[in-house]
Structure formats: structure tokens, C-alpha cells
């Protein structure tokens, strides 16, 4: 398979052999239940060897008792056949080691600042957080620890609404349950006009969160 071929989110989501994985934003992610820290380290070592062989490297988070894997391609930016190939390889390693994939456990958190003058606001947040500019919209943790901050252009002041909200990207087959749980917990649906790309929800005091999926974005 051509390692540099860029793919649309739907192409990746519909690909065979990816039952263990979910598309979140421009990434392919899964969470594997290892049962112990030692098994997680063994699993991570096997992934590292496969990644070196493929010359394509994922982000790994090892905890007790879980390993989280994030795949994306930096050049060309987004999802590619390299991500799909390595995801399949990692799933095969998991089967060999008796490690269980739990793809619906993955979540990607972003925090959005709604601003009238983004150039005036953005440097403050980058300074406070120790973040760096990534593109025209995003600021990122250079060490990959914290969530992305992005800046949404406001056309007019909105004193009746908050100006900071969180974007929670979830697997497309989890969004409905997450929304239902938020509504049952006292939240309200502000807008579903952009669904299934995202739904805008608010807590009892109007603080907002968007439940996001990869769908309707290509």
C-alpha cells in the first residue's frame, strides 16, 4: 500500500481490519486493556519495533492497566495509508499478546476560545500555557501532554453566553450515548444544526461543550 496516500476520514473509518480503531479529528486511535503495567510495557515495546520497521511512529500513553495509541501522519498532514497499515499491525500484536481493544474508550479534548480579536488573545494563552502556534487556528503543547487550544472568530460580542468552551471528540458510535448522558445530567441541547459533525450542549448555567465526531467533515 502506498505509504504516502492521504485518506478521507470516511475512507479510514470504512476500511476493513480496523474494528479496533476509531477516527477522532485527523487521528486514528484505540485504547487497549492490558491488565497489568508489565504487559502494557511489553505491548508498547512490540508496537515500537513495528513502528521502527514501518518508519511510522504513533503516540503511546502507558498507564496501569491500559495503553492508548494515537496514529496520524505529519507529512502529508492527516490520515494516510501508513496509519491504516500500522493500526492493523498493532491489532495483530494485541491478539498475539492477549490484549483487548476497547476503541469506544477513546476521547480527544480540545478547548476553544471565542474571541473578537484572535491575534490579541492568542499570545496570552500560549504564554500562560507554554504552548506554541500550530496553524492559523490552533495552539498546541509542544510536549504533547495537554489538549489543543483553538480560537474561534466571533463576529459580535455575546455577553449572554460564555466565550470559552470545550470540544470533546468521541467515536461516532458513542456520540448519542454521551449526549443522552449529558442531557440526563441536567444539560440542555443548544444546537444540533451541525450534527453529526458536532452538537452544542450547555450546563445549567450556560457553559458550553461540543460533542464532536469525524462525520460530515470531509
N, C-alpha and C. Protein backbone atom coordinates (compact mmCIF):
# COMPACT_ATOMS: atom_id res chain seq x y z
N UNK A 1 0.84 -1.20 0.00
CA UNK A 1 0.00 0.00 0.00
C UNK A 1 0.88 1.25 0.00
N UNK A 2 0.54 2.24 -0.80
CA UNK A 2 1.29 3.49 -0.87
C UNK A 2 1.29 4.19 0.47
N UNK A 3 2.48 4.34 1.08
CA UNK A 3 2.56 4.87 2.43
C UNK A 3 2.28 6.37 2.50
N UNK A 4 2.28 7.04 1.38
CA UNK A 4 2.08 8.48 1.41
C UNK A 4 0.68 8.89 0.95
N UNK A 5 -0.19 7.95 0.67
CA UNK A 5 -1.51 8.30 0.15
C UNK A 5 -2.40 8.83 1.28
N UNK A 6 -2.89 10.04 1.08
CA UNK A 6 -3.77 10.65 2.07
C UNK A 6 -5.18 10.11 1.91
N UNK A 7 -5.88 9.94 3.03
CA UNK A 7 -7.21 9.35 3.03
C UNK A 7 -8.21 10.28 3.71
N UNK A 8 -9.44 10.24 3.26
CA UNK A 8 -10.52 10.92 3.94
C UNK A 8 -10.91 10.13 5.19
N UNK A 9 -11.52 10.84 6.13
CA UNK A 9 -11.93 10.18 7.38
C UNK A 9 -12.87 9.01 7.11
N UNK A 10 -13.80 9.18 6.18
CA UNK A 10 -14.75 8.09 5.89
C UNK A 10 -14.03 6.90 5.28
N UNK A 11 -13.03 7.15 4.43
CA UNK A 11 -12.27 6.03 3.86
C UNK A 11 -11.60 5.22 4.96
N UNK A 12 -11.05 5.91 5.94
CA UNK A 12 -10.39 5.21 7.04
C UNK A 12 -11.41 4.48 7.89
N UNK A 13 -12.48 5.15 8.26
CA UNK A 13 -13.50 4.54 9.11
C UNK A 13 -14.12 3.31 8.46
N UNK A 14 -14.24 3.32 7.13
CA UNK A 14 -14.86 2.21 6.40
C UNK A 14 -13.87 1.12 6.01
N UNK A 15 -12.59 1.31 6.31
CA UNK A 15 -11.58 0.34 5.90
C UNK A 15 -11.73 -0.98 6.68
N UNK A 16 -11.46 -2.08 6.02
CA UNK A 16 -11.51 -3.38 6.67
C UNK A 16 -10.33 -3.53 7.62
N UNK A 17 -10.54 -4.32 8.66
CA UNK A 17 -9.47 -4.61 9.59
C UNK A 17 -9.22 -3.54 10.63
N UNK A 18 -10.17 -2.60 10.78
CA UNK A 18 -10.00 -1.51 11.74
C UNK A 18 -11.09 -1.50 12.80
N UNK A 19 -11.63 -2.66 13.11
CA UNK A 19 -12.69 -2.73 14.13
C UNK A 19 -12.19 -2.26 15.50
N UNK A 20 -10.89 -2.34 15.72
CA UNK A 20 -10.31 -1.94 17.00
C UNK A 20 -10.09 -0.44 17.10
N UNK A 21 -10.38 0.32 16.04
CA UNK A 21 -9.94 1.71 15.96
C UNK A 21 -11.11 2.64 15.69
N UNK A 22 -10.93 3.92 16.08
CA UNK A 22 -11.90 4.96 15.80
C UNK A 22 -11.19 6.21 15.30
N UNK A 23 -11.85 6.91 14.37
CA UNK A 23 -11.34 8.18 13.86
C UNK A 23 -11.78 9.31 14.79
N UNK A 24 -10.81 10.11 15.26
CA UNK A 24 -11.11 11.31 16.04
C UNK A 24 -10.31 12.46 15.42
N UNK A 25 -11.02 13.48 14.94
CA UNK A 25 -10.38 14.58 14.24
C UNK A 25 -9.52 14.01 13.11
N UNK A 26 -8.23 14.33 13.05
CA UNK A 26 -7.37 13.81 11.98
C UNK A 26 -6.46 12.71 12.51
N UNK A 27 -6.99 11.91 13.43
CA UNK A 27 -6.21 10.84 14.03
C UNK A 27 -6.99 9.54 14.03
N UNK A 28 -6.26 8.45 14.19
CA UNK A 28 -6.84 7.12 14.36
C UNK A 28 -6.39 6.63 15.71
N UNK A 29 -7.35 6.29 16.59
CA UNK A 29 -7.00 5.99 17.97
C UNK A 29 -7.66 4.71 18.46
N UNK A 30 -7.00 4.09 19.45
CA UNK A 30 -7.60 2.97 20.15
C UNK A 30 -7.03 2.92 21.56
N UNK A 31 -7.74 2.23 22.43
CA UNK A 31 -7.30 2.01 23.81
C UNK A 31 -7.30 0.52 24.06
N UNK A 32 -6.22 0.00 24.62
CA UNK A 32 -6.06 -1.44 24.82
C UNK A 32 -5.94 -1.75 26.31
N UNK A 33 -6.79 -2.64 26.78
CA UNK A 33 -6.76 -3.06 28.17
C UNK A 33 -5.74 -4.17 28.33
N UNK A 34 -4.66 -3.89 29.04
CA UNK A 34 -3.55 -4.83 29.16
C UNK A 34 -3.61 -5.68 30.42
N UNK A 35 -4.29 -5.20 31.45
CA UNK A 35 -4.41 -5.97 32.68
C UNK A 35 -3.28 -5.76 33.66
N UNK A 36 -2.13 -5.28 33.18
CA UNK A 36 -1.00 -5.01 34.08
C UNK A 36 -0.06 -4.02 33.42
N UNK A 37 0.73 -3.35 34.23
CA UNK A 37 1.69 -2.40 33.70
C UNK A 37 2.77 -3.12 32.90
N UNK A 38 3.20 -4.27 33.39
CA UNK A 38 4.24 -5.04 32.69
C UNK A 38 3.78 -5.45 31.30
N UNK A 39 2.53 -5.92 31.20
CA UNK A 39 2.00 -6.29 29.89
C UNK A 39 1.90 -5.07 28.98
N UNK A 40 1.55 -3.94 29.56
CA UNK A 40 1.48 -2.70 28.77
C UNK A 40 2.84 -2.31 28.20
N UNK A 41 3.89 -2.46 29.02
CA UNK A 41 5.24 -2.14 28.54
C UNK A 41 5.65 -3.12 27.44
N UNK A 42 5.32 -4.39 27.61
CA UNK A 42 5.63 -5.39 26.58
C UNK A 42 4.90 -5.05 25.28
N UNK A 43 3.64 -4.71 25.39
CA UNK A 43 2.84 -4.34 24.22
C UNK A 43 3.44 -3.11 23.55
N UNK A 44 3.81 -2.11 24.34
CA UNK A 44 4.39 -0.89 23.79
C UNK A 44 5.71 -1.17 23.08
N UNK A 45 6.51 -2.08 23.64
CA UNK A 45 7.78 -2.43 23.02
C UNK A 45 7.57 -3.09 21.66
N UNK A 46 6.56 -3.96 21.58
CA UNK A 46 6.25 -4.59 20.31
C UNK A 46 5.76 -3.56 19.29
N UNK A 47 4.94 -2.61 19.74
CA UNK A 47 4.48 -1.54 18.86
C UNK A 47 5.66 -0.72 18.38
N UNK A 48 6.59 -0.41 19.28
CA UNK A 48 7.76 0.39 18.91
C UNK A 48 8.58 -0.31 17.83
N UNK A 49 8.76 -1.62 17.96
CA UNK A 49 9.53 -2.36 16.96
C UNK A 49 8.83 -2.33 15.61
N UNK A 50 7.51 -2.51 15.62
CA UNK A 50 6.74 -2.47 14.37
C UNK A 50 6.78 -1.07 13.76
N UNK A 51 6.73 -0.04 14.60
CA UNK A 51 6.77 1.33 14.12
C UNK A 51 8.12 1.65 13.48
N UNK A 52 9.19 1.19 14.11
CA UNK A 52 10.52 1.41 13.53
C UNK A 52 10.65 0.70 12.18
N UNK A 53 10.11 -0.52 12.11
CA UNK A 53 10.17 -1.27 10.85
C UNK A 53 9.40 -0.56 9.74
N UNK A 54 8.28 0.08 10.11
CA UNK A 54 7.44 0.78 9.13
C UNK A 54 7.89 2.22 8.90
N UNK A 55 8.80 2.70 9.75
CA UNK A 55 9.22 4.11 9.73
C UNK A 55 8.01 5.04 9.85
N UNK A 56 7.12 4.66 10.76
CA UNK A 56 5.91 5.46 11.02
C UNK A 56 5.58 5.26 12.49
N UNK A 57 5.53 6.35 13.26
CA UNK A 57 5.55 6.22 14.71
C UNK A 57 4.30 6.83 15.36
N UNK A 58 3.59 6.05 16.17
CA UNK A 58 2.41 6.55 16.87
C UNK A 58 2.79 7.22 18.18
N UNK A 59 1.83 7.90 18.78
CA UNK A 59 1.96 8.38 20.15
C UNK A 59 1.39 7.32 21.08
N UNK A 60 2.14 6.96 22.11
CA UNK A 60 1.71 5.94 23.06
C UNK A 60 1.60 6.54 24.45
N UNK A 61 0.53 6.17 25.16
CA UNK A 61 0.39 6.51 26.57
C UNK A 61 0.20 5.22 27.34
N UNK A 62 1.14 4.93 28.25
CA UNK A 62 1.09 3.69 29.02
C UNK A 62 0.67 4.02 30.44
N UNK A 63 -0.41 3.41 30.89
CA UNK A 63 -0.86 3.55 32.27
C UNK A 63 -1.15 2.15 32.81
N UNK A 64 -1.48 2.08 34.10
CA UNK A 64 -1.96 0.82 34.64
C UNK A 64 -3.47 0.88 34.65
N UNK A 65 -4.15 -0.05 33.97
CA UNK A 65 -3.62 -1.15 33.15
C UNK A 65 -4.04 -0.98 31.67
N UNK A 66 -3.51 0.02 31.00
CA UNK A 66 -4.02 0.38 29.67
C UNK A 66 -2.92 1.02 28.83
N UNK A 67 -3.01 0.81 27.51
CA UNK A 67 -2.14 1.51 26.57
C UNK A 67 -3.03 2.21 25.56
N UNK A 68 -2.85 3.52 25.44
CA UNK A 68 -3.60 4.30 24.46
C UNK A 68 -2.69 4.58 23.27
N UNK A 69 -3.22 4.40 22.06
CA UNK A 69 -2.43 4.57 20.84
C UNK A 69 -3.10 5.61 19.95
N UNK A 70 -2.31 6.58 19.50
CA UNK A 70 -2.79 7.60 18.57
C UNK A 70 -1.92 7.59 17.33
N UNK A 71 -2.56 7.45 16.17
CA UNK A 71 -1.87 7.45 14.89
C UNK A 71 -2.30 8.65 14.06
N UNK A 72 -1.33 9.31 13.44
CA UNK A 72 -1.60 10.36 12.47
C UNK A 72 -0.34 10.54 11.64
N UNK A 73 -0.46 11.24 10.52
CA UNK A 73 0.68 11.48 9.64
C UNK A 73 0.93 12.98 9.57
N UNK A 74 2.18 13.37 9.67
CA UNK A 74 2.53 14.78 9.69
C UNK A 74 2.85 15.31 8.28
N UNK A 75 3.27 14.43 7.37
CA UNK A 75 3.56 14.84 6.00
C UNK A 75 3.25 13.68 5.05
N UNK A 76 2.12 13.73 4.33
CA UNK A 76 1.12 14.79 4.33
C UNK A 76 0.30 14.77 5.60
N UNK A 77 -0.16 15.93 6.02
CA UNK A 77 -0.86 16.07 7.29
C UNK A 77 -2.22 15.40 7.26
N UNK A 78 -2.52 14.62 8.28
CA UNK A 78 -3.82 13.96 8.38
C UNK A 78 -3.66 12.46 8.42
N UNK A 79 -4.68 11.75 7.96
CA UNK A 79 -4.68 10.30 7.95
C UNK A 79 -4.22 9.78 6.60
N UNK A 80 -3.38 8.75 6.64
CA UNK A 80 -2.85 8.16 5.41
C UNK A 80 -2.88 6.64 5.50
N UNK A 81 -2.48 6.01 4.41
CA UNK A 81 -2.40 4.56 4.37
C UNK A 81 -1.37 4.04 5.38
N UNK A 82 -0.38 4.85 5.74
CA UNK A 82 0.58 4.44 6.76
C UNK A 82 -0.11 4.20 8.10
N UNK A 83 -1.06 5.06 8.43
CA UNK A 83 -1.79 4.91 9.69
C UNK A 83 -2.64 3.65 9.67
N UNK A 84 -3.31 3.40 8.55
CA UNK A 84 -4.16 2.21 8.43
C UNK A 84 -3.32 0.94 8.53
N UNK A 85 -2.19 0.90 7.83
CA UNK A 85 -1.33 -0.27 7.85
C UNK A 85 -0.81 -0.56 9.26
N UNK A 86 -0.33 0.48 9.94
CA UNK A 86 0.23 0.27 11.27
C UNK A 86 -0.86 -0.09 12.28
N UNK A 87 -2.05 0.49 12.12
CA UNK A 87 -3.16 0.13 13.01
C UNK A 87 -3.47 -1.36 12.91
N UNK A 88 -3.50 -1.89 11.71
CA UNK A 88 -3.75 -3.32 11.53
C UNK A 88 -2.65 -4.16 12.16
N UNK A 89 -1.41 -3.71 12.01
CA UNK A 89 -0.28 -4.43 12.61
C UNK A 89 -0.40 -4.43 14.13
N UNK A 90 -0.75 -3.28 14.71
CA UNK A 90 -0.89 -3.18 16.17
C UNK A 90 -2.01 -4.08 16.66
N UNK A 91 -3.11 -4.14 15.93
CA UNK A 91 -4.22 -5.03 16.31
C UNK A 91 -3.76 -6.49 16.30
N UNK A 92 -2.94 -6.86 15.32
CA UNK A 92 -2.43 -8.23 15.26
C UNK A 92 -1.52 -8.52 16.45
N UNK A 93 -0.70 -7.56 16.84
CA UNK A 93 0.16 -7.72 18.02
C UNK A 93 -0.69 -7.90 19.27
N UNK A 94 -1.76 -7.12 19.37
CA UNK A 94 -2.65 -7.23 20.54
C UNK A 94 -3.24 -8.63 20.64
N UNK A 95 -3.65 -9.20 19.52
CA UNK A 95 -4.19 -10.56 19.52
C UNK A 95 -3.14 -11.55 19.99
N UNK A 96 -1.91 -11.42 19.51
CA UNK A 96 -0.83 -12.32 19.91
C UNK A 96 -0.57 -12.27 21.41
N UNK A 97 -0.70 -11.07 21.99
CA UNK A 97 -0.40 -10.90 23.42
C UNK A 97 -1.62 -11.07 24.31
N UNK A 98 -2.78 -11.31 23.72
CA UNK A 98 -4.00 -11.45 24.52
C UNK A 98 -4.47 -10.14 25.11
N UNK A 99 -4.19 -9.02 24.40
CA UNK A 99 -4.58 -7.69 24.85
C UNK A 99 -5.89 -7.30 24.17
N UNK A 100 -6.83 -6.78 24.94
CA UNK A 100 -8.17 -6.47 24.44
C UNK A 100 -8.29 -5.01 24.02
N UNK A 101 -8.76 -4.78 22.80
CA UNK A 101 -9.01 -3.42 22.34
C UNK A 101 -10.35 -2.92 22.85
N UNK A 102 -10.38 -1.67 23.29
CA UNK A 102 -11.62 -1.02 23.72
C UNK A 102 -11.70 0.34 23.02
N UNK A 103 -12.02 0.34 21.71
CA UNK A 103 -11.96 1.59 20.94
C UNK A 103 -12.95 2.66 21.36
N UNK A 104 -14.06 2.26 21.97
CA UNK A 104 -15.04 3.27 22.37
C UNK A 104 -14.61 4.02 23.63
N UNK A 105 -13.46 3.65 24.20
CA UNK A 105 -12.94 4.36 25.37
C UNK A 105 -12.17 5.62 25.00
N UNK A 106 -11.91 5.83 23.70
CA UNK A 106 -11.07 6.96 23.31
C UNK A 106 -11.86 8.27 23.29
N UNK A 107 -11.17 9.36 23.61
CA UNK A 107 -11.74 10.70 23.59
C UNK A 107 -10.62 11.68 23.27
N UNK A 108 -10.93 12.72 22.49
CA UNK A 108 -9.96 13.77 22.19
C UNK A 108 -10.54 15.09 22.66
N UNK A 109 -9.82 15.77 23.57
CA UNK A 109 -10.31 17.01 24.16
C UNK A 109 -9.63 18.22 23.53
N UNK A 110 -10.44 19.20 23.13
CA UNK A 110 -9.94 20.50 22.69
C UNK A 110 -10.67 21.59 23.48
N UNK A 111 -10.00 22.71 23.67
CA UNK A 111 -10.60 23.85 24.35
C UNK A 111 -10.61 25.03 23.39
N UNK A 112 -11.78 25.62 23.21
CA UNK A 112 -11.94 26.70 22.24
C UNK A 112 -12.17 28.02 22.97
N UNK A 113 -11.47 29.05 22.51
CA UNK A 113 -11.65 30.41 22.99
C UNK A 113 -12.37 31.18 21.90
N UNK A 114 -13.55 31.72 22.19
CA UNK A 114 -14.28 32.55 21.24
C UNK A 114 -13.81 33.99 21.42
N UNK A 115 -13.22 34.57 20.36
CA UNK A 115 -12.58 35.88 20.51
C UNK A 115 -12.94 36.80 19.36
N UNK A 116 -13.07 38.09 19.68
CA UNK A 116 -13.27 39.11 18.65
C UNK A 116 -11.96 39.47 17.96
N UNK A 117 -10.86 39.46 18.71
CA UNK A 117 -9.54 39.80 18.17
C UNK A 117 -8.57 38.67 18.52
N UNK A 118 -8.53 37.64 17.68
CA UNK A 118 -7.71 36.45 17.96
C UNK A 118 -6.24 36.80 18.13
N UNK A 119 -5.61 37.64 17.26
CA UNK A 119 -4.19 37.96 17.44
C UNK A 119 -3.88 38.62 18.78
N UNK A 120 -4.86 39.31 19.37
CA UNK A 120 -4.64 39.95 20.67
C UNK A 120 -4.78 38.96 21.82
N UNK A 121 -5.57 37.92 21.63
CA UNK A 121 -5.88 36.97 22.70
C UNK A 121 -4.94 35.77 22.70
N UNK A 122 -4.63 35.29 21.52
CA UNK A 122 -3.89 34.04 21.39
C UNK A 122 -2.52 34.05 22.08
N UNK A 123 -1.70 35.12 21.94
CA UNK A 123 -0.39 35.10 22.60
C UNK A 123 -0.48 34.94 24.12
N UNK A 124 -1.52 35.51 24.73
CA UNK A 124 -1.69 35.37 26.17
C UNK A 124 -1.82 33.90 26.56
N UNK A 125 -2.70 33.17 25.86
CA UNK A 125 -2.92 31.78 26.20
C UNK A 125 -1.68 30.93 25.93
N UNK A 126 -0.97 31.23 24.86
CA UNK A 126 0.25 30.49 24.57
C UNK A 126 1.31 30.75 25.64
N UNK A 127 1.38 31.99 26.14
CA UNK A 127 2.35 32.31 27.18
C UNK A 127 1.99 31.64 28.51
N UNK A 128 0.72 31.70 28.87
CA UNK A 128 0.27 31.12 30.13
C UNK A 128 0.46 29.59 30.15
N UNK A 129 0.16 28.97 29.02
CA UNK A 129 0.18 27.51 28.94
C UNK A 129 1.54 26.95 28.54
N UNK A 130 2.43 27.79 28.00
CA UNK A 130 3.67 27.29 27.46
C UNK A 130 3.46 26.58 26.13
N UNK A 131 2.41 26.96 25.41
CA UNK A 131 2.06 26.35 24.14
C UNK A 131 2.76 27.09 22.99
N UNK A 132 2.67 26.52 21.78
CA UNK A 132 3.21 27.15 20.59
C UNK A 132 2.15 27.13 19.50
N UNK A 133 2.26 28.06 18.56
CA UNK A 133 1.33 28.11 17.44
C UNK A 133 1.53 26.89 16.55
N UNK A 134 0.42 26.32 16.08
CA UNK A 134 0.49 25.16 15.21
C UNK A 134 0.02 25.50 13.80
N UNK A 135 -1.03 26.27 13.69
CA UNK A 135 -1.51 26.77 12.40
C UNK A 135 -2.31 28.03 12.65
N UNK A 136 -3.14 28.42 11.74
CA UNK A 136 -3.86 29.68 11.89
C UNK A 136 -4.92 29.64 13.00
N UNK A 137 -5.29 28.44 13.45
CA UNK A 137 -6.35 28.34 14.45
C UNK A 137 -5.87 27.75 15.77
N UNK A 138 -4.88 26.84 15.73
CA UNK A 138 -4.55 26.03 16.90
C UNK A 138 -3.29 26.49 17.62
N UNK A 139 -3.29 26.24 18.93
CA UNK A 139 -2.08 26.33 19.75
C UNK A 139 -1.95 24.99 20.46
N UNK A 140 -0.73 24.46 20.49
CA UNK A 140 -0.54 23.10 21.00
C UNK A 140 0.58 23.05 22.03
N UNK A 141 0.47 22.07 22.92
CA UNK A 141 1.51 21.76 23.88
C UNK A 141 2.69 21.14 23.12
N UNK A 142 3.88 21.74 23.15
CA UNK A 142 5.00 21.19 22.38
C UNK A 142 5.43 19.81 22.86
N UNK A 143 5.01 19.42 24.08
CA UNK A 143 5.36 18.11 24.61
C UNK A 143 4.22 17.10 24.48
N UNK A 144 3.10 17.53 23.89
CA UNK A 144 2.01 16.61 23.64
C UNK A 144 1.27 16.14 24.87
N UNK A 145 1.28 16.93 25.94
CA UNK A 145 0.63 16.50 27.18
C UNK A 145 -0.79 17.03 27.33
N UNK A 146 -1.00 18.29 26.93
CA UNK A 146 -2.28 18.92 27.18
C UNK A 146 -3.14 19.00 25.94
N UNK A 147 -4.41 19.34 26.10
CA UNK A 147 -5.32 19.45 24.96
C UNK A 147 -4.99 20.65 24.09
N UNK A 148 -5.35 20.56 22.82
CA UNK A 148 -5.20 21.67 21.90
C UNK A 148 -6.13 22.82 22.30
N UNK A 149 -5.61 24.04 22.22
CA UNK A 149 -6.45 25.23 22.33
C UNK A 149 -6.63 25.78 20.91
N UNK A 150 -7.87 26.12 20.55
CA UNK A 150 -8.08 26.76 19.26
C UNK A 150 -8.98 27.97 19.44
N UNK A 151 -8.94 28.85 18.45
CA UNK A 151 -9.55 30.17 18.61
C UNK A 151 -10.59 30.39 17.52
N UNK A 152 -11.82 30.61 17.98
CA UNK A 152 -12.96 30.73 17.07
C UNK A 152 -13.32 32.20 16.92
N UNK A 153 -13.42 32.65 15.67
CA UNK A 153 -13.70 34.05 15.41
C UNK A 153 -15.13 34.42 15.76
N UNK A 154 -15.29 35.44 16.59
CA UNK A 154 -16.61 35.99 16.89
C UNK A 154 -16.86 37.20 16.01
N UNK A 155 -18.08 37.34 15.54
CA UNK A 155 -18.44 38.50 14.72
C UNK A 155 -18.98 39.65 15.55
N UNK A 156 -19.49 39.33 16.74
CA UNK A 156 -20.04 40.36 17.62
C UNK A 156 -19.98 39.85 19.05
N UNK A 157 -19.92 40.73 20.03
CA UNK A 157 -19.91 40.29 21.43
C UNK A 157 -21.13 39.45 21.77
N UNK A 158 -20.94 38.47 22.64
CA UNK A 158 -22.05 37.63 23.08
C UNK A 158 -22.08 37.63 24.61
N UNK A 159 -22.49 38.74 25.23
CA UNK A 159 -22.44 38.82 26.69
C UNK A 159 -23.36 37.82 27.37
N UNK A 160 -24.35 37.31 26.65
CA UNK A 160 -25.29 36.38 27.25
C UNK A 160 -24.75 34.95 27.27
N UNK A 161 -23.59 34.70 26.62
CA UNK A 161 -23.05 33.35 26.55
C UNK A 161 -21.59 33.37 26.95
N UNK A 162 -21.13 32.20 27.41
CA UNK A 162 -19.72 32.09 27.74
C UNK A 162 -18.87 32.20 26.47
N UNK A 163 -17.59 32.52 26.64
CA UNK A 163 -16.71 32.70 25.49
C UNK A 163 -15.56 31.69 25.50
N UNK A 164 -15.66 30.70 26.33
CA UNK A 164 -14.73 29.59 26.29
C UNK A 164 -15.56 28.32 26.39
N UNK A 165 -15.25 27.35 25.53
CA UNK A 165 -15.99 26.09 25.59
C UNK A 165 -15.04 24.94 25.27
N UNK A 166 -15.43 23.75 25.65
CA UNK A 166 -14.59 22.60 25.35
C UNK A 166 -15.21 21.81 24.20
N UNK A 167 -14.34 21.28 23.34
CA UNK A 167 -14.75 20.37 22.28
C UNK A 167 -14.32 18.97 22.68
N UNK A 168 -15.27 18.06 22.75
CA UNK A 168 -14.98 16.68 23.14
C UNK A 168 -15.24 15.79 21.93
N UNK A 169 -14.17 15.33 21.28
CA UNK A 169 -14.31 14.46 20.12
C UNK A 169 -14.39 13.01 20.59
N UNK A 170 -15.43 12.32 20.15
CA UNK A 170 -15.69 10.95 20.58
C UNK A 170 -15.89 10.08 19.35
N UNK A 171 -15.79 8.75 19.50
CA UNK A 171 -16.13 7.86 18.38
C UNK A 171 -17.56 8.12 17.92
N UNK A 172 -17.79 8.03 16.63
CA UNK A 172 -19.11 8.36 16.09
C UNK A 172 -20.21 7.47 16.67
N UNK A 173 -19.83 6.25 17.09
CA UNK A 173 -20.84 5.34 17.64
C UNK A 173 -21.02 5.52 19.15
N UNK A 174 -20.39 6.54 19.71
CA UNK A 174 -20.53 6.85 21.14
C UNK A 174 -21.27 8.17 21.35
N UNK A 175 -21.32 9.01 20.32
CA UNK A 175 -21.85 10.37 20.47
C UNK A 175 -23.26 10.39 21.06
N UNK A 176 -24.14 9.55 20.55
CA UNK A 176 -25.53 9.55 21.04
C UNK A 176 -25.63 9.26 22.51
N UNK A 177 -24.85 8.28 22.98
CA UNK A 177 -24.87 7.94 24.41
C UNK A 177 -24.31 9.08 25.25
N UNK A 178 -23.24 9.72 24.75
CA UNK A 178 -22.63 10.81 25.50
C UNK A 178 -23.59 12.00 25.61
N UNK A 179 -24.30 12.29 24.53
CA UNK A 179 -25.27 13.39 24.54
C UNK A 179 -26.42 13.07 25.49
N UNK A 180 -26.94 11.85 25.40
CA UNK A 180 -28.05 11.45 26.27
C UNK A 180 -27.66 11.55 27.74
N UNK A 181 -26.44 11.14 28.06
CA UNK A 181 -25.97 11.21 29.45
C UNK A 181 -25.87 12.65 29.92
N UNK A 182 -25.39 13.54 29.02
CA UNK A 182 -25.27 14.95 29.40
C UNK A 182 -26.64 15.59 29.63
N UNK A 183 -27.61 15.24 28.80
CA UNK A 183 -28.96 15.78 28.96
C UNK A 183 -29.60 15.25 30.24
N UNK A 184 -29.36 13.97 30.53
CA UNK A 184 -29.91 13.37 31.75
C UNK A 184 -29.29 13.97 33.00
N UNK A 185 -28.08 14.51 32.85
CA UNK A 185 -27.38 15.12 33.97
C UNK A 185 -27.72 16.59 34.16
N UNK A 186 -28.75 17.06 33.47
CA UNK A 186 -29.21 18.43 33.65
C UNK A 186 -28.80 19.38 32.55
N UNK A 187 -28.14 18.86 31.51
CA UNK A 187 -27.72 19.71 30.41
C UNK A 187 -28.87 20.00 29.45
N UNK A 188 -28.61 20.95 28.55
CA UNK A 188 -29.58 21.28 27.51
C UNK A 188 -28.90 21.23 26.15
N UNK A 189 -29.69 20.94 25.12
CA UNK A 189 -29.18 20.96 23.76
C UNK A 189 -29.33 22.37 23.21
N UNK A 190 -28.20 23.04 22.95
CA UNK A 190 -28.23 24.40 22.42
C UNK A 190 -28.47 24.38 20.91
N UNK A 191 -27.80 23.44 20.21
CA UNK A 191 -27.97 23.36 18.76
C UNK A 191 -27.49 22.01 18.25
N UNK A 192 -28.26 21.46 17.29
CA UNK A 192 -27.82 20.28 16.57
C UNK A 192 -27.75 20.57 15.07
N UNK A 193 -27.65 21.86 14.72
CA UNK A 193 -27.67 22.27 13.31
C UNK A 193 -26.50 21.69 12.53
N UNK A 194 -25.38 21.45 13.20
CA UNK A 194 -24.20 20.93 12.50
C UNK A 194 -24.02 19.43 12.68
N UNK A 195 -24.95 18.76 13.33
CA UNK A 195 -24.84 17.32 13.54
C UNK A 195 -24.82 16.60 12.19
N UNK A 196 -24.06 15.50 12.07
CA UNK A 196 -23.33 14.80 13.12
C UNK A 196 -21.89 15.27 13.32
N UNK A 197 -21.50 16.41 12.71
CA UNK A 197 -20.15 16.93 12.95
C UNK A 197 -20.00 17.33 14.42
N UNK A 198 -21.01 18.06 14.94
CA UNK A 198 -20.99 18.38 16.37
C UNK A 198 -22.36 18.82 16.85
N UNK A 199 -22.59 18.63 18.14
CA UNK A 199 -23.77 19.10 18.85
C UNK A 199 -23.30 20.07 19.92
N UNK A 200 -23.99 21.18 20.14
CA UNK A 200 -23.65 22.14 21.18
C UNK A 200 -24.55 21.89 22.38
N UNK A 201 -23.95 21.62 23.52
CA UNK A 201 -24.67 21.39 24.76
C UNK A 201 -24.28 22.45 25.79
N UNK A 202 -25.12 22.63 26.80
CA UNK A 202 -24.80 23.59 27.86
C UNK A 202 -25.20 23.02 29.20
N UNK A 203 -24.45 23.42 30.25
CA UNK A 203 -24.82 23.01 31.59
C UNK A 203 -25.91 23.93 32.13
N UNK A 204 -26.28 23.77 33.38
CA UNK A 204 -27.40 24.53 33.95
C UNK A 204 -27.14 26.03 33.99
N UNK A 205 -25.86 26.45 33.91
CA UNK A 205 -25.54 27.87 33.94
C UNK A 205 -25.12 28.41 32.57
N UNK A 206 -25.26 27.59 31.54
CA UNK A 206 -24.99 28.06 30.19
C UNK A 206 -23.59 27.83 29.68
N UNK A 207 -22.72 27.19 30.46
CA UNK A 207 -21.37 26.88 30.00
C UNK A 207 -21.45 25.77 28.95
N UNK A 208 -20.75 25.95 27.86
CA UNK A 208 -20.99 25.09 26.70
C UNK A 208 -19.89 24.06 26.46
N UNK A 209 -20.31 22.94 25.86
CA UNK A 209 -19.41 21.90 25.38
C UNK A 209 -19.97 21.37 24.07
N UNK A 210 -19.07 21.08 23.14
CA UNK A 210 -19.48 20.49 21.87
C UNK A 210 -19.07 19.03 21.84
N UNK A 211 -20.01 18.15 21.57
CA UNK A 211 -19.71 16.75 21.33
C UNK A 211 -19.47 16.61 19.83
N UNK A 212 -18.26 16.18 19.45
CA UNK A 212 -17.83 16.20 18.05
C UNK A 212 -17.51 14.80 17.55
N UNK A 213 -17.74 14.57 16.26
CA UNK A 213 -17.30 13.34 15.60
C UNK A 213 -16.61 13.72 14.30
N UNK A 214 -16.02 12.72 13.63
CA UNK A 214 -15.38 12.98 12.34
C UNK A 214 -16.40 13.14 11.22
N UNK A 215 -17.63 12.74 11.44
CA UNK A 215 -18.61 12.66 10.36
C UNK A 215 -19.00 14.04 9.83
N UNK A 216 -19.36 14.09 8.56
CA UNK A 216 -19.82 15.29 7.86
C UNK A 216 -18.75 16.38 7.84
N UNK A 217 -17.47 16.00 7.82
CA UNK A 217 -16.37 16.96 7.79
C UNK A 217 -15.54 16.86 6.52
N UNK A 218 -15.60 15.76 5.80
CA UNK A 218 -14.81 15.61 4.58
C UNK A 218 -15.32 16.52 3.48
